[in-house]
């Protein structure tokens, strides 16, 4: 596989408080990767660094072989990194349709781009709610909208920070089915979520963060075998 994202020796601080200490990992084309660990271990900080919302103090981030760690967030998005942020952050006063088309583009010149019609086929509920304001959607519908909005930028890498947090069980199951379908399309994915069993079924590789460092990494088979040893760091 061709490596799409490479994070090397990443160090990030919030003022005088250091959050990441030499974090390194990679994502290949079409690979589903998870960032695991208890709250406050550096997962969201890593995502914010990749997407340009935080500037690393040291280390490098390369996307498609190009350094992006010094780029502004909108330029990283244009390069092909899509983000579904924790808390969703949809536009509450725009309709579903307006949310989806607000940042839509196909700068990667995909031959099978994500269009409004394709999003509606993928998430039929969004078509049903097309004229509803974002603020009037349920939590599950907002998450679908956040994923759809990110897909409308036609990314090469999709990052989900807390993919199913706070959602009802049936909606969580629907989101995981959607992520499985996205993986089949060849889209590279980084996922943060507390649902370990769902991620074990989908992920090609897992990176466990503890105290701002990569404490362990391996396949789903390896993680299942070592789950008891890693239980305290996984919060399961």
Protein backbone atom coordinates (compact mmCIF):
# COMPACT_ATOMS: atom_id res chain seq x y z
CA UNK A 1 0.00 0.00 0.00
CA UNK A 2 1.00 3.62 -0.57
CA UNK A 3 1.40 5.66 2.58
CA UNK A 4 -0.98 8.61 2.64
CA UNK A 5 -0.31 10.18 6.07
CA UNK A 6 2.87 10.05 8.10
CA UNK A 7 3.15 11.62 11.55
CA UNK A 8 6.71 11.67 12.92
CA UNK A 9 7.91 12.60 16.42
CA UNK A 10 5.01 15.01 17.00
CA UNK A 11 5.26 17.27 20.04
CA UNK A 12 2.44 19.67 20.92
CA UNK A 13 1.91 21.96 23.91
CA UNK A 14 -0.89 24.08 25.29
CA UNK A 15 1.08 27.00 26.66
CA UNK A 16 3.57 25.58 29.15
CA UNK A 17 1.75 22.22 29.34
CA UNK A 18 3.01 19.61 26.90
CA UNK A 19 0.33 17.26 25.53
CA UNK A 20 2.15 15.11 22.95
CA UNK A 21 5.59 13.58 23.36
CA UNK A 22 7.00 12.23 20.10
CA UNK A 23 3.83 10.70 18.62
CA UNK A 24 4.50 8.76 15.40
CA UNK A 25 2.16 6.72 13.22
CA UNK A 26 1.06 6.31 9.63
CA UNK A 27 -2.04 5.69 7.53
CA UNK A 28 -1.90 3.94 4.16
CA UNK A 29 -4.27 4.51 1.26
CA UNK A 30 -7.57 2.82 2.04
CA UNK A 31 -6.57 1.92 5.59
CA UNK A 32 -8.88 2.20 8.62
CA UNK A 33 -6.84 3.30 11.66
CA UNK A 34 -8.00 3.98 15.20
CA UNK A 35 -6.57 6.18 17.93
CA UNK A 36 -7.40 4.55 21.25
CA UNK A 37 -6.88 5.55 24.86
CA UNK A 38 -8.52 7.10 27.88
CA UNK A 39 -9.72 10.71 27.89
CA UNK A 40 -6.95 13.28 28.03
CA UNK A 41 -4.27 11.03 26.53
CA UNK A 42 -3.74 13.08 23.38
CA UNK A 43 -6.11 11.67 20.77
CA UNK A 44 -7.99 14.88 19.95
CA UNK A 45 -4.78 16.90 20.18
CA UNK A 46 -3.28 14.62 17.54
CA UNK A 47 -6.31 15.15 15.27
CA UNK A 48 -6.18 18.92 15.75
CA UNK A 49 -2.51 18.89 14.81
CA UNK A 50 -3.15 16.88 11.63
CA UNK A 51 -5.97 19.21 10.57
CA UNK A 52 -4.07 22.43 11.30
CA UNK A 53 -6.09 23.53 14.31
CA UNK A 54 -2.94 23.27 16.45
CA UNK A 55 0.64 24.01 15.43
CA UNK A 56 3.17 21.37 16.53
CA UNK A 57 6.19 22.51 18.49
CA UNK A 58 8.30 19.75 16.96
CA UNK A 59 7.90 16.90 14.53
CA UNK A 60 6.50 16.59 11.04
CA UNK A 61 3.21 15.65 9.42
CA UNK A 62 3.23 14.60 5.77
CA UNK A 63 0.13 14.06 3.67
CA UNK A 64 0.56 12.56 0.23
CA UNK A 65 4.33 13.05 0.79
CA UNK A 66 3.91 16.81 1.28
CA UNK A 67 4.61 18.49 4.67
CA UNK A 68 1.42 19.99 6.09
CA UNK A 69 2.31 20.69 9.74
CA UNK A 70 2.85 24.39 9.04
CA UNK A 71 -0.19 24.86 6.81
CA UNK A 72 -3.43 26.61 7.72
CA UNK A 73 -6.40 24.33 8.36
CA UNK A 74 -8.31 25.37 5.22
CA UNK A 75 -5.31 24.49 3.06
CA UNK A 76 -5.05 21.06 4.70
CA UNK A 77 -8.74 20.51 3.98
CA UNK A 78 -8.17 21.47 0.36
CA UNK A 79 -5.32 18.96 0.18
CA UNK A 80 -7.80 16.17 0.91
CA UNK A 81 -8.22 15.82 4.68
CA UNK A 82 -11.85 15.73 5.84
CA UNK A 83 -12.80 16.16 9.50
CA UNK A 84 -15.92 15.13 11.41
CA UNK A 85 -15.19 17.02 14.63
CA UNK A 86 -16.16 16.09 18.15
CA UNK A 87 -19.47 17.84 18.84
CA UNK A 88 -20.33 17.84 15.10
CA UNK A 89 -20.26 21.66 14.70
CA UNK A 90 -22.78 21.77 11.89
CA UNK A 91 -24.22 25.15 10.91
CA UNK A 92 -27.38 25.39 13.06
CA UNK A 93 -29.09 28.14 11.06
CA UNK A 94 -28.54 26.51 7.66
CA UNK A 95 -30.74 23.77 6.21
CA UNK A 96 -29.44 20.25 5.69
CA UNK A 97 -28.97 20.98 1.99
CA UNK A 98 -27.16 24.25 2.70
CA UNK A 99 -24.86 22.54 5.20
CA UNK A 100 -23.91 19.94 2.60
CA UNK A 101 -23.21 22.29 -0.28
CA UNK A 102 -21.54 25.04 1.80
CA UNK A 103 -18.03 23.57 1.50
CA UNK A 104 -18.55 21.09 -1.35
CA UNK A 105 -15.75 20.66 -3.87
CA UNK A 106 -13.88 18.02 -5.82
CA UNK A 107 -10.35 19.38 -5.82
CA UNK A 108 -8.94 15.84 -5.85
CA UNK A 109 -10.76 15.29 -9.16
CA UNK A 110 -12.33 12.06 -8.03
CA UNK A 111 -13.89 10.11 -10.87
CA UNK A 112 -16.75 9.11 -8.55
CA UNK A 113 -17.21 12.25 -6.45
CA UNK A 114 -19.50 12.68 -3.48
CA UNK A 115 -22.42 14.76 -4.71
CA UNK A 116 -25.63 15.83 -3.03
CA UNK A 117 -27.49 12.97 -4.71
CA UNK A 118 -24.89 10.43 -3.58
CA UNK A 119 -25.03 11.70 0.02
CA UNK A 120 -28.82 11.38 -0.02
CA UNK A 121 -28.53 7.79 -1.26
CA UNK A 122 -26.01 7.08 1.49
CA UNK A 123 -28.05 8.83 4.20
CA UNK A 124 -31.73 8.74 3.08
CA UNK A 125 -32.74 10.41 6.32
CA UNK A 126 -30.89 13.56 5.30
CA UNK A 127 -32.95 13.79 2.13
CA UNK A 128 -36.10 13.49 4.23
CA UNK A 129 -34.82 16.39 6.37
CA UNK A 130 -33.42 18.40 3.45
CA UNK A 131 -35.24 21.62 4.33
CA UNK A 132 -34.83 21.33 8.10
CA UNK A 133 -32.41 23.60 9.90
CA UNK A 134 -29.37 21.95 11.43
CA UNK A 135 -30.50 23.02 14.90
CA UNK A 136 -33.74 21.06 14.48
CA UNK A 137 -32.10 17.69 13.79
CA UNK A 138 -31.62 14.89 16.29
CA UNK A 139 -28.13 14.04 17.48
CA UNK A 140 -27.93 11.10 15.09
CA UNK A 141 -29.11 13.17 12.16
CA UNK A 142 -26.57 15.86 13.01
CA UNK A 143 -23.80 13.25 13.00
CA UNK A 144 -24.93 11.97 9.62
CA UNK A 145 -24.91 15.55 8.39
CA UNK A 146 -21.41 16.15 9.77
CA UNK A 147 -20.16 13.03 7.99
CA UNK A 148 -21.97 14.00 4.80
CA UNK A 149 -20.54 17.52 4.91
CA UNK A 150 -17.02 16.12 5.25
CA UNK A 151 -17.60 13.68 2.39
CA UNK A 152 -18.82 16.52 0.15
CA UNK A 153 -15.25 17.87 0.21
CA UNK A 154 -14.25 14.56 -1.45
CA UNK A 155 -11.39 13.84 0.95
CA UNK A 156 -8.70 11.19 0.58
CA UNK A 157 -8.56 10.86 4.36
CA UNK A 158 -11.60 11.11 6.64
CA UNK A 159 -11.01 11.75 10.36
CA UNK A 160 -13.80 11.16 12.88
CA UNK A 161 -13.31 12.46 16.42
CA UNK A 162 -15.79 10.61 18.68
CA UNK A 163 -17.68 8.98 15.83
CA UNK A 164 -20.73 7.83 17.82
CA UNK A 165 -20.50 9.70 21.13
CA UNK A 166 -23.87 10.35 22.78
CA UNK A 167 -25.92 8.58 20.11
CA UNK A 168 -28.72 6.08 20.66
CA UNK A 169 -27.73 2.41 20.13
CA UNK A 170 -29.65 2.01 16.86
CA UNK A 171 -28.10 5.17 15.44
CA UNK A 172 -24.63 4.06 16.54
CA UNK A 173 -25.16 0.79 14.69
CA UNK A 174 -26.22 2.69 11.57
CA UNK A 175 -23.13 4.92 11.72
CA UNK A 176 -20.82 1.88 12.01
CA UNK A 177 -22.51 0.29 8.99
CA UNK A 178 -21.93 3.50 7.06
CA UNK A 179 -18.25 3.55 8.05
CA UNK A 180 -17.91 -0.05 6.88
CA UNK A 181 -19.35 0.98 3.51
CA UNK A 182 -16.96 3.94 3.33
CA UNK A 183 -14.03 1.63 3.95
CA UNK A 184 -15.14 -0.51 1.00
CA UNK A 185 -14.85 2.54 -1.27
CA UNK A 186 -11.12 2.73 -0.50
CA UNK A 187 -11.33 5.87 1.63
CA UNK A 188 -8.63 6.11 4.30
CA UNK A 189 -10.12 6.66 7.77
CA UNK A 190 -8.85 7.67 11.21
CA UNK A 191 -11.43 6.98 13.91
CA UNK A 192 -11.64 7.93 17.58
CA UNK A 193 -14.45 6.29 19.53
CA UNK A 194 -15.11 4.46 22.78
CA UNK A 195 -16.82 1.51 21.06
CA UNK A 196 -13.91 -0.90 20.88
CA UNK A 197 -15.84 -3.89 19.53
CA UNK A 198 -17.07 -1.99 16.47
CA UNK A 199 -13.57 -0.72 15.75
CA UNK A 200 -12.05 -4.18 16.14
CA UNK A 201 -14.33 -5.37 13.35
CA UNK A 202 -13.33 -2.56 10.97
CA UNK A 203 -9.81 -1.37 11.70
CA UNK A 204 -6.63 -2.48 9.99
CA UNK A 205 -4.43 -1.00 12.71
CA UNK A 206 -4.81 0.52 16.17
CA UNK A 207 -2.62 3.06 17.97
CA UNK A 208 -3.03 3.32 21.73
CA UNK A 209 -2.12 6.68 23.24
CA UNK A 210 -1.16 7.02 26.90
CA UNK A 211 0.12 10.24 28.46
CA UNK A 212 0.74 11.79 25.07
CA UNK A 213 2.75 8.89 23.65
CA UNK A 214 2.03 5.87 21.45
CA UNK A 215 2.12 3.14 24.08
CA UNK A 216 1.15 0.27 21.77
CA UNK A 217 0.13 -0.41 18.18
CA UNK A 218 -1.04 -3.48 16.32
CA UNK A 219 -3.76 -5.22 14.35
CA UNK A 220 -7.23 -6.14 15.60
CA UNK A 221 -6.07 -9.73 16.06
CA UNK A 222 -3.17 -8.56 18.21
CA UNK A 223 -5.40 -6.23 20.20
CA UNK A 224 -7.90 -8.97 20.97
CA UNK A 225 -5.06 -11.16 22.20
CA UNK A 226 -3.69 -8.42 24.46
CA UNK A 227 -6.95 -6.79 25.57
CA UNK A 228 -6.61 -7.96 29.18
CA UNK A 229 -3.09 -6.53 29.44
CA UNK A 230 -4.14 -3.21 27.89
CA UNK A 231 -7.52 -2.98 29.63
CA UNK A 232 -6.58 -0.15 32.01
CA UNK A 233 -5.39 2.05 29.14
CA UNK A 234 -8.39 1.21 26.96
CA UNK A 235 -10.99 2.03 29.65
CA UNK A 236 -12.96 -1.16 28.94
